[in-house]
C-alpha atoms as a PDB file:
ATOM      1  CA  UNK A   1    -137.467 -12.073 -29.191  1.00  0.00           C
ATOM      2  CA  UNK A   2    -137.760  -9.184 -32.086  1.00  0.00           C
ATOM      3  CA  UNK A   3    -138.051 -10.031 -35.756  1.00  0.00           C
ATOM      4  CA  UNK A   4    -136.513  -7.794 -38.569  1.00  0.00           C
ATOM      5  CA  UNK A   5    -139.719  -6.943 -39.468  1.00  0.00           C
ATOM      6  CA  UNK A   6    -140.566  -5.948 -35.945  1.00  0.00           C
ATOM      7  CA  UNK A   7    -137.090  -3.692 -36.160  1.00  0.00           C
ATOM      8  CA  UNK A   8    -138.567  -2.080 -39.029  1.00  0.00           C
ATOM      9  CA  UNK A   9    -141.478  -1.084 -37.933  1.00  0.00           C
ATOM     10  CA  UNK A  10    -140.508   0.593 -35.136  1.00  0.00           C
ATOM     11  CA  UNK A  11    -137.574   2.274 -36.776  1.00  0.00           C
ATOM     12  CA  UNK A  12    -140.169   3.814 -38.981  1.00  0.00           C
ATOM     13  CA  UNK A  13    -142.431   4.087 -36.329  1.00  0.00           C
ATOM     14  CA  UNK A  14    -139.402   5.873 -34.211  1.00  0.00           C
ATOM     15  CA  UNK A  15    -137.569   7.945 -37.421  1.00  0.00           C
ATOM     16  CA  UNK A  16    -140.516   8.530 -39.720  1.00  0.00           C
ATOM     17  CA  UNK A  17    -140.027   8.127 -43.458  1.00  0.00           C
ATOM     18  CA  UNK A  18    -136.668   6.788 -43.901  1.00  0.00           C
ATOM     19  CA  UNK A  19    -134.669   5.309 -47.411  1.00  0.00           C
ATOM     20  CA  UNK A  20    -133.748   1.837 -47.267  1.00  0.00           C
ATOM     21  CA  UNK A  21    -130.489   1.765 -46.114  1.00  0.00           C
ATOM     22  CA  UNK A  22    -131.368   3.696 -43.311  1.00  0.00           C
ATOM     23  CA  UNK A  23    -133.896   1.698 -41.937  1.00  0.00           C
ATOM     24  CA  UNK A  24    -131.104  -1.227 -42.717  1.00  0.00           C
ATOM     25  CA  UNK A  25    -128.435  -0.046 -40.373  1.00  0.00           C
ATOM     26  CA  UNK A  26    -130.826   1.060 -37.804  1.00  0.00           C
ATOM     27  CA  UNK A  27    -132.129  -2.411 -37.913  1.00  0.00           C
ATOM     28  CA  UNK A  28    -128.450  -3.978 -37.767  1.00  0.00           C
ATOM     29  CA  UNK A  29    -129.067  -5.561 -41.135  1.00  0.00           C
ATOM     30  CA  UNK A  30    -127.832  -5.825 -44.590  1.00  0.00           C
ATOM     31  CA  UNK A  31    -129.763  -3.847 -47.047  1.00  0.00           C
ATOM     32  CA  UNK A  32    -130.636  -7.149 -49.428  1.00  0.00           C
ATOM     33  CA  UNK A  33    -132.131  -8.247 -46.198  1.00  0.00           C
ATOM     34  CA  UNK A  34    -133.764  -4.713 -44.938  1.00  0.00           C
ATOM     35  CA  UNK A  35    -135.384  -4.928 -49.109  1.00  0.00           C
ATOM     36  CA  UNK A  36    -136.819  -8.063 -48.604  1.00  0.00           C
ATOM     37  CA  UNK A  37    -138.079  -7.567 -45.336  1.00  0.00           C
ATOM     38  CA  UNK A  38    -139.973  -4.034 -46.507  1.00  0.00           C
ATOM     39  CA  UNK A  39    -141.293  -5.541 -49.726  1.00  0.00           C
ATOM     40  CA  UNK A  40    -143.046  -8.293 -47.386  1.00  0.00           C
ATOM     41  CA  UNK A  41    -144.544  -5.407 -45.020  1.00  0.00           C
ATOM     42  CA  UNK A  42    -145.935  -3.589 -47.985  1.00  0.00           C
ATOM     43  CA  UNK A  43    -147.414  -6.710 -49.100  1.00  0.00           C
ATOM     44  CA  UNK A  44    -148.854  -7.077 -45.799  1.00  0.00           C
ATOM     45  CA  UNK A  45    -150.354  -3.185 -45.835  1.00  0.00           C
ATOM     46  CA  UNK A  46    -147.829  -2.029 -42.968  1.00  0.00           C
ATOM     47  CA  UNK A  47    -145.615  -0.091 -44.912  1.00  0.00           C
ATOM     48  CA  UNK A  48    -145.557   1.708 -48.069  1.00  0.00           C
ATOM     49  CA  UNK A  49    -142.690   4.016 -50.290  1.00  0.00           C
ATOM     50  CA  UNK A  50    -142.454   6.868 -52.735  1.00  0.00           C
ATOM     51  CA  UNK A  51    -139.347   6.331 -54.881  1.00  0.00           C
ATOM     52  CA  UNK A  52    -137.243   9.203 -56.253  1.00  0.00           C
ATOM     53  CA  UNK A  53    -134.181   9.776 -58.034  1.00  0.00           C
ATOM     54  CA  UNK A  54    -131.358  11.554 -56.781  1.00  0.00           C
ATOM     55  CA  UNK A  55    -128.569  11.872 -58.552  1.00  0.00           C
ATOM     56  CA  UNK A  56    -126.851   9.260 -60.510  1.00  0.00           C
ATOM     57  CA  UNK A  57    -128.218   5.404 -59.474  1.00  0.00           C
ATOM     58  CA  UNK A  58    -130.402   3.621 -59.203  1.00  0.00           C
ATOM     59  CA  UNK A  59    -133.781   5.436 -57.648  1.00  0.00           C
ATOM     60  CA  UNK A  60    -134.354   5.455 -54.065  1.00  0.00           C
ATOM     61  CA  UNK A  61    -137.024   4.283 -52.056  1.00  0.00           C
ATOM     62  CA  UNK A  62    -138.223   5.635 -48.886  1.00  0.00           C
ATOM     63  CA  UNK A  63    -140.389   4.030 -46.706  1.00  0.00           C
ATOM     64  CA  UNK A  64    -143.054   5.402 -44.273  1.00  0.00           C
ATOM     65  CA  UNK A  65    -145.731   2.649 -41.957  1.00  0.00           C
ATOM     66  CA  UNK A  66    -149.682   3.279 -43.566  1.00  0.00           C
ATOM     67  CA  UNK A  67    -152.069   3.514 -41.197  1.00  0.00           C
ATOM     68  CA  UNK A  68    -152.417  -0.243 -40.503  1.00  0.00           C
ATOM     69  CA  UNK A  69    -148.803  -0.316 -39.951  1.00  0.00           C
ATOM     70  CA  UNK A  70    -149.257   3.016 -37.496  1.00  0.00           C
ATOM     71  CA  UNK A  71    -151.772   0.111 -35.466  1.00  0.00           C
ATOM     72  CA  UNK A  72    -149.837  -1.960 -35.087  1.00  0.00           C
ATOM     73  CA  UNK A  73    -148.237   0.145 -32.539  1.00  0.00           C
ATOM     74  CA  UNK A  74    -152.174   0.165 -29.906  1.00  0.00           C
ATOM     75  CA  UNK A  75    -153.905   2.228 -28.372  1.00  0.00           C
ATOM     76  CA  UNK A  76    -154.391   1.034 -24.947  1.00  0.00           C
ATOM     77  CA  UNK A  77    -158.004  -0.002 -24.287  1.00  0.00           C
ATOM     78  CA  UNK A  78    -158.958   2.501 -27.044  1.00  0.00           C
ATOM     79  CA  UNK A  79    -162.688   1.259 -27.261  1.00  0.00           C
ATOM     80  CA  UNK A  80    -163.611   1.208 -23.629  1.00  0.00           C
ATOM     81  CA  UNK A  81    -161.643   4.449 -22.379  1.00  0.00           C
ATOM     82  CA  UNK A  82    -163.869   6.627 -25.002  1.00  0.00           C
ATOM     83  CA  UNK A  83    -167.288   5.433 -23.888  1.00  0.00           C
ATOM     84  CA  UNK A  84    -166.102   5.558 -20.020  1.00  0.00           C
ATOM     85  CA  UNK A  85    -165.460   9.302 -21.086  1.00  0.00           C
ATOM     86  CA  UNK A  86    -168.419   9.656 -22.877  1.00  0.00           C
ATOM     87  CA  UNK A  87    -170.518   7.760 -19.994  1.00  0.00           C
ATOM     88  CA  UNK A  88    -168.618  10.601 -17.925  1.00  0.00           C
ATOM     89  CA  UNK A  89    -169.350  13.496 -19.925  1.00  0.00           C
ATOM     90  CA  UNK A  90    -173.306  12.841 -20.476  1.00  0.00           C
ATOM     91  CA  UNK A  91    -174.203  12.027 -16.535  1.00  0.00           C
ATOM     92  CA  UNK A  92    -171.436  14.490 -14.896  1.00  0.00           C
ATOM     93  CA  UNK A  93    -171.254  17.275 -17.665  1.00  0.00           C
ATOM     94  CA  UNK A  94    -168.302  18.569 -19.714  1.00  0.00           C
ATOM     95  CA  UNK A  95    -167.666  20.826 -16.204  1.00  0.00           C
ATOM     96  CA  UNK A  96    -167.358  16.995 -14.043  1.00  0.00           C
ATOM     97  CA  UNK A  97    -165.073  15.622 -16.733  1.00  0.00           C
ATOM     98  CA  UNK A  98    -162.674  18.415 -16.704  1.00  0.00           C
ATOM     99  CA  UNK A  99    -162.332  17.317 -12.835  1.00  0.00           C
ATOM    100  CA  UNK A 100    -161.502  14.498 -13.663  1.00  0.00           C
ATOM    101  CA  UNK A 101    -158.980  14.917 -15.865  1.00  0.00           C
ATOM    102  CA  UNK A 102    -157.770  17.977 -13.354  1.00  0.00           C
ATOM    103  CA  UNK A 103    -157.769  14.845 -10.874  1.00  0.00           C
ATOM    104  CA  UNK A 104    -156.041  12.502 -12.848  1.00  0.00           C
ATOM    105  CA  UNK A 105    -153.292  15.131 -13.570  1.00  0.00           C
ATOM    106  CA  UNK A 106    -152.390  15.574  -9.755  1.00  0.00           C
ATOM    107  CA  UNK A 107    -151.739  12.234  -9.196  1.00  0.00           C
ATOM    108  CA  UNK A 108    -149.949  11.596 -12.081  1.00  0.00           C
ATOM    109  CA  UNK A 109    -147.991  15.265 -11.143  1.00  0.00           C
ATOM    110  CA  UNK A 110    -147.189  13.668  -7.503  1.00  0.00           C
ATOM    111  CA  UNK A 111    -145.793  10.514  -8.786  1.00  0.00           C
ATOM    112  CA  UNK A 112    -143.398  12.110 -11.624  1.00  0.00           C
ATOM    113  CA  UNK A 113    -142.606  15.023  -9.625  1.00  0.00           C
ATOM    114  CA  UNK A 114    -140.764  11.867  -7.344  1.00  0.00           C
ATOM    115  CA  UNK A 115    -139.203  10.096  -9.652  1.00  0.00           C
ATOM    116  CA  UNK A 116    -137.514  12.986 -11.611  1.00  0.00           C
ATOM    117  CA  UNK A 117    -136.323  14.610  -8.803  1.00  0.00           C
ATOM    118  CA  UNK A 118    -134.543  17.967  -7.985  1.00  0.00           C
ATOM    119  CA  UNK A 119    -131.979  17.517 -10.509  1.00  0.00           C
ATOM    120  CA  UNK A 120    -130.453  19.276 -13.751  1.00  0.00           C
ATOM    121  CA  UNK A 121    -132.502  19.841 -16.626  1.00  0.00           C
ATOM    122  CA  UNK A 122    -130.596  17.319 -19.181  1.00  0.00           C
ATOM    123  CA  UNK A 123    -130.988  14.966 -16.156  1.00  0.00           C
ATOM    124  CA  UNK A 124    -135.175  15.720 -15.861  1.00  0.00           C
ATOM    125  CA  UNK A 125    -135.342  15.504 -19.296  1.00  0.00           C
ATOM    126  CA  UNK A 126    -133.846  11.847 -19.261  1.00  0.00           C
ATOM    127  CA  UNK A 127    -135.872  10.624 -16.286  1.00  0.00           C
ATOM    128  CA  UNK A 128    -138.876  11.993 -17.819  1.00  0.00           C
ATOM    129  CA  UNK A 129    -138.122  10.294 -21.079  1.00  0.00           C
ATOM    130  CA  UNK A 130    -137.750   6.819 -19.358  1.00  0.00           C
ATOM    131  CA  UNK A 131    -141.107   7.159 -17.370  1.00  0.00           C
ATOM    132  CA  UNK A 132    -142.727   7.777 -20.788  1.00  0.00           C
ATOM    133  CA  UNK A 133    -141.277   5.346 -22.542  1.00  0.00           C
ATOM    134  CA  UNK A 134    -142.185   3.029 -20.287  1.00  0.00           C
ATOM    135  CA  UNK A 135    -145.562   4.098 -20.314  1.00  0.00           C
ATOM    136  CA  UNK A 136    -145.227   3.232 -24.126  1.00  0.00           C
ATOM    137  CA  UNK A 137    -144.421   6.693 -25.321  1.00  0.00           C
ATOM    138  CA  UNK A 138    -141.063   5.800 -26.982  1.00  0.00           C
ATOM    139  CA  UNK A 139    -139.497   9.348 -25.740  1.00  0.00           C
ATOM    140  CA  UNK A 140    -136.879  10.737 -26.109  1.00  0.00           C
ATOM    141  CA  UNK A 141    -135.135  13.641 -25.997  1.00  0.00           C
ATOM    142  CA  UNK A 142    -132.112  15.459 -28.307  1.00  0.00           C
ATOM    143  CA  UNK A 143    -130.166  18.317 -27.363  1.00  0.00           C
ATOM    144  CA  UNK A 144    -130.701  21.092 -31.065  1.00  0.00           C
ATOM    145  CA  UNK A 145    -128.064  23.441 -32.547  1.00  0.00           C
ATOM    146  CA  UNK A 146    -129.870  26.306 -30.630  1.00  0.00           C
ATOM    147  CA  UNK A 147    -128.786  25.174 -27.473  1.00  0.00           C
ATOM    148  CA  UNK A 148    -132.386  24.138 -26.981  1.00  0.00           C
ATOM    149  CA  UNK A 149    -134.120  21.038 -26.309  1.00  0.00           C
ATOM    150  CA  UNK A 150    -136.601  18.642 -28.240  1.00  0.00           C
ATOM    151  CA  UNK A 151    -138.709  16.270 -25.928  1.00  0.00           C
ATOM    152  CA  UNK A 152    -140.396  13.712 -28.923  1.00  0.00           C
ATOM    153  CA  UNK A 153    -142.864  10.754 -28.203  1.00  0.00           C
ATOM    154  CA  UNK A 154    -143.338   8.966 -31.009  1.00  0.00           C
ATOM    155  CA  UNK A 155    -146.428   7.166 -30.116  1.00  0.00           C
ATOM    156  CA  UNK A 156    -149.829   8.281 -28.070  1.00  0.00           C
ATOM    157  CA  UNK A 157    -150.675   4.838 -26.133  1.00  0.00           C
ATOM    158  CA  UNK A 158    -154.219   7.017 -25.192  1.00  0.00           C
ATOM    159  CA  UNK A 159    -154.536   8.621 -28.273  1.00  0.00           C
ATOM    160  CA  UNK A 160    -158.380   7.594 -29.026  1.00  0.00           C
ATOM    161  CA  UNK A 161    -158.636   9.103 -25.356  1.00  0.00           C
ATOM    162  CA  UNK A 162    -157.039  11.997 -26.240  1.00  0.00           C
ATOM    163  CA  UNK A 163    -159.105  12.227 -28.743  1.00  0.00           C
ATOM    164  CA  UNK A 164    -162.268  12.239 -26.915  1.00  0.00           C
ATOM    165  CA  UNK A 165    -161.530  14.705 -24.774  1.00  0.00           C
ATOM    166  CA  UNK A 166    -159.068  17.414 -25.534  1.00  0.00           C
ATOM    167  CA  UNK A 167    -157.847  17.899 -21.434  1.00  0.00           C
ATOM    168  CA  UNK A 168    -155.791  15.226 -21.841  1.00  0.00           C
ATOM    169  CA  UNK A 169    -153.446  16.505 -23.915  1.00  0.00           C
ATOM    170  CA  UNK A 170    -153.166  20.227 -21.559  1.00  0.00           C
ATOM    171  CA  UNK A 171    -152.450  18.439 -19.128  1.00  0.00           C
ATOM    172  CA  UNK A 172    -149.492  16.680 -20.721  1.00  0.00           C
ATOM    173  CA  UNK A 173    -148.232  20.148 -21.062  1.00  0.00           C
ATOM    174  CA  UNK A 174    -148.785  21.303 -17.923  1.00  0.00           C
ATOM    175  CA  UNK A 175    -147.297  18.383 -16.393  1.00  0.00           C
ATOM    176  CA  UNK A 176    -144.074  18.915 -18.357  1.00  0.00           C
ATOM    177  CA  UNK A 177    -143.955  22.520 -17.732  1.00  0.00           C
ATOM    178  CA  UNK A 178    -144.370  21.780 -14.086  1.00  0.00           C
ATOM    179  CA  UNK A 179    -141.461  19.319 -14.682  1.00  0.00           C
ATOM    180  CA  UNK A 180    -139.366  21.331 -16.489  1.00  0.00           C
ATOM    181  CA  UNK A 181    -139.390  24.482 -14.723  1.00  0.00           C
ATOM    182  CA  UNK A 182    -137.938  27.329 -15.101  1.00  0.00           C
ATOM    183  CA  UNK A 183    -137.470  26.139 -18.861  1.00  0.00           C
ATOM    184  CA  UNK A 184    -140.354  26.722 -21.244  1.00  0.00           C
ATOM    185  CA  UNK A 185    -141.572  23.936 -23.089  1.00  0.00           C
ATOM    186  CA  UNK A 186    -144.081  24.479 -26.352  1.00  0.00           C
ATOM    187  CA  UNK A 187    -145.468  21.601 -28.164  1.00  0.00           C
ATOM    188  CA  UNK A 188    -143.887  21.724 -32.097  1.00  0.00           C
ATOM    189  CA  UNK A 189    -145.835  18.929 -33.428  1.00  0.00           C
ATOM    190  CA  UNK A 190    -149.638  17.391 -32.493  1.00  0.00           C
ATOM    191  CA  UNK A 191    -150.475  14.095 -33.432  1.00  0.00           C
ATOM    192  CA  UNK A 192    -154.314  14.818 -33.235  1.00  0.00           C
ATOM    193  CA  UNK A 193    -153.184  17.960 -35.302  1.00  0.00           C
ATOM    194  CA  UNK A 194    -151.802  15.548 -37.891  1.00  0.00           C
ATOM    195  CA  UNK A 195    -148.525  15.217 -36.667  1.00  0.00           C
ATOM    196  CA  UNK A 196    -146.353  11.779 -36.810  1.00  0.00           C
ATOM    197  CA  UNK A 197    -145.096  12.402 -33.327  1.00  0.00           C
ATOM    198  CA  UNK A 198    -146.478  14.859 -30.283  1.00  0.00           C
ATOM    199  CA  UNK A 199    -142.942  16.915 -29.904  1.00  0.00           C
ATOM    200  CA  UNK A 200    -141.521  19.463 -27.306  1.00  0.00           C
ATOM    201  CA  UNK A 201    -139.526  22.134 -27.948  1.00  0.00           C
ATOM    202  CA  UNK A 202    -138.059  22.562 -23.776  1.00  0.00           C
ATOM    203  CA  UNK A 203    -135.731  26.399 -24.137  1.00  0.00           C
ATOM    204  CA  UNK A 204    -134.138  28.428 -20.755  1.00  0.00           C
END
């Protein structure tokens, strides 16, 4: 069973910087209980806040995760994966590593194609997000005001591997383009570029 602290950490991870009341509502807790839990998380170095005055009343705090807080959502087998990538690059060169990434992409694409199926775009987005969420990407999608869609991954469980080999990110984008065609897919936010999440605009 998750604790209030876990729920608050998850809310900050998936929603980004948020005020105390918003975090309390998302965690289903009172504002006072959330504030106390957030203070404890700050004392543990997992969360931080900035304070700003907005109109009448006491200043409002906006909370976010620290680097240590982000570390609570681990990169799966990070060190071992990076070492394997470097070993493949040294043994077989960049071309060999690219072939390995392409083979992985093909294998994943076949499984995803079967799971997502030939259905409408929103159904495909729902199934794709569920697949990615099950793999640890904290994925979700929403319809935007202009009629496009936003597919979001709030966490990257292979971030270290992606940093060591950009082919994984190119592969991910190609996979989404294939599964959601003929819709156009554009990456608008990228964790490796310093964003807090990866986000993809999907337009018909």
